[in-house]
């Protein structure tokens, strides 16, 4: 499912980083995400595209 929505905890596990690092990256706009009721959410497809773009150059 390409539109799967991940929480901050799930995205941290997916990227193998600490939750604080994921939160900091999202808050600085470096990690594509959006807030729902004050909690960060991430589309798996956006994260996969972000990884692809980040590794290109």
C-alpha atoms as a PDB file:
ATOM      1  CA  UNK A   1       0.000   0.000   0.000  1.00  0.00           C
ATOM      2  CA  UNK A   2       1.733   3.174  -1.230  1.00  0.00           C
ATOM      3  CA  UNK A   3      -0.382   5.553   0.849  1.00  0.00           C
ATOM      4  CA  UNK A   4       0.485   3.890   4.134  1.00  0.00           C
ATOM      5  CA  UNK A   5       0.731   6.496   6.911  1.00  0.00           C
ATOM      6  CA  UNK A   6       3.508   6.105   9.492  1.00  0.00           C
ATOM      7  CA  UNK A   7       3.918   7.619  12.950  1.00  0.00           C
ATOM      8  CA  UNK A   8       7.112   9.212  14.253  1.00  0.00           C
ATOM      9  CA  UNK A   9       7.947   5.951  16.028  1.00  0.00           C
ATOM     10  CA  UNK A  10       7.420   3.913  12.861  1.00  0.00           C
ATOM     11  CA  UNK A  11       9.413   6.295  10.674  1.00  0.00           C
ATOM     12  CA  UNK A  12      12.302   6.244  13.138  1.00  0.00           C
ATOM     13  CA  UNK A  13      12.324   2.436  13.036  1.00  0.00           C
ATOM     14  CA  UNK A  14      12.008   2.441   9.236  1.00  0.00           C
ATOM     15  CA  UNK A  15      15.007   4.789   8.880  1.00  0.00           C
ATOM     16  CA  UNK A  16      16.881   3.165  11.794  1.00  0.00           C
ATOM     17  CA  UNK A  17      17.308   6.473  13.621  1.00  0.00           C
ATOM     18  CA  UNK A  18      16.249   7.712  17.038  1.00  0.00           C
ATOM     19  CA  UNK A  19      12.759   9.163  17.421  1.00  0.00           C
ATOM     20  CA  UNK A  20      14.250  12.504  18.513  1.00  0.00           C
ATOM     21  CA  UNK A  21      16.303  12.669  15.298  1.00  0.00           C
ATOM     22  CA  UNK A  22      13.197  11.923  13.199  1.00  0.00           C
ATOM     23  CA  UNK A  23      11.241  14.594  15.071  1.00  0.00           C
ATOM     24  CA  UNK A  24      14.035  17.159  14.627  1.00  0.00           C
ATOM     25  CA  UNK A  25      14.312  16.427  10.881  1.00  0.00           C
ATOM     26  CA  UNK A  26      10.548  16.740  10.443  1.00  0.00           C
ATOM     27  CA  UNK A  27      10.350  19.947  12.471  1.00  0.00           C
ATOM     28  CA  UNK A  28      13.123  21.500  10.343  1.00  0.00           C
ATOM     29  CA  UNK A  29      11.324  20.498   7.133  1.00  0.00           C
ATOM     30  CA  UNK A  30      14.072  18.100   6.088  1.00  0.00           C
ATOM     31  CA  UNK A  31      11.860  15.013   6.366  1.00  0.00           C
ATOM     32  CA  UNK A  32       8.573  15.093   4.406  1.00  0.00           C
ATOM     33  CA  UNK A  33       5.695  14.852   6.831  1.00  0.00           C
ATOM     34  CA  UNK A  34       2.588  16.571   8.123  1.00  0.00           C
ATOM     35  CA  UNK A  35       0.897  17.093  11.464  1.00  0.00           C
ATOM     36  CA  UNK A  36      -2.450  15.700  12.510  1.00  0.00           C
ATOM     37  CA  UNK A  37      -3.665  17.137  15.786  1.00  0.00           C
ATOM     38  CA  UNK A  38      -0.112  18.051  16.739  1.00  0.00           C
ATOM     39  CA  UNK A  39       1.338  14.596  15.984  1.00  0.00           C
ATOM     40  CA  UNK A  40       3.660  13.969  13.038  1.00  0.00           C
ATOM     41  CA  UNK A  41       2.571  11.583  10.285  1.00  0.00           C
ATOM     42  CA  UNK A  42       4.467  10.450   7.182  1.00  0.00           C
ATOM     43  CA  UNK A  43       3.404   8.847   3.903  1.00  0.00           C
ATOM     44  CA  UNK A  44       5.602   5.843   3.165  1.00  0.00           C
ATOM     45  CA  UNK A  45       5.666   6.779  -0.543  1.00  0.00           C
ATOM     46  CA  UNK A  46       6.932  10.303   0.296  1.00  0.00           C
ATOM     47  CA  UNK A  47       9.675   8.865   2.501  1.00  0.00           C
ATOM     48  CA  UNK A  48      10.737   6.369  -0.163  1.00  0.00           C
ATOM     49  CA  UNK A  49      10.892   9.186  -2.744  1.00  0.00           C
ATOM     50  CA  UNK A  50      12.867  11.346  -0.275  1.00  0.00           C
ATOM     51  CA  UNK A  51      15.374   8.501   0.206  1.00  0.00           C
ATOM     52  CA  UNK A  52      15.677   8.056  -3.563  1.00  0.00           C
ATOM     53  CA  UNK A  53      16.316  11.787  -4.092  1.00  0.00           C
ATOM     54  CA  UNK A  54      18.741  11.973  -1.165  1.00  0.00           C
ATOM     55  CA  UNK A  55      20.893   9.147  -2.476  1.00  0.00           C
ATOM     56  CA  UNK A  56      21.166  10.543  -6.002  1.00  0.00           C
ATOM     57  CA  UNK A  57      23.528  13.205  -5.212  1.00  0.00           C
END
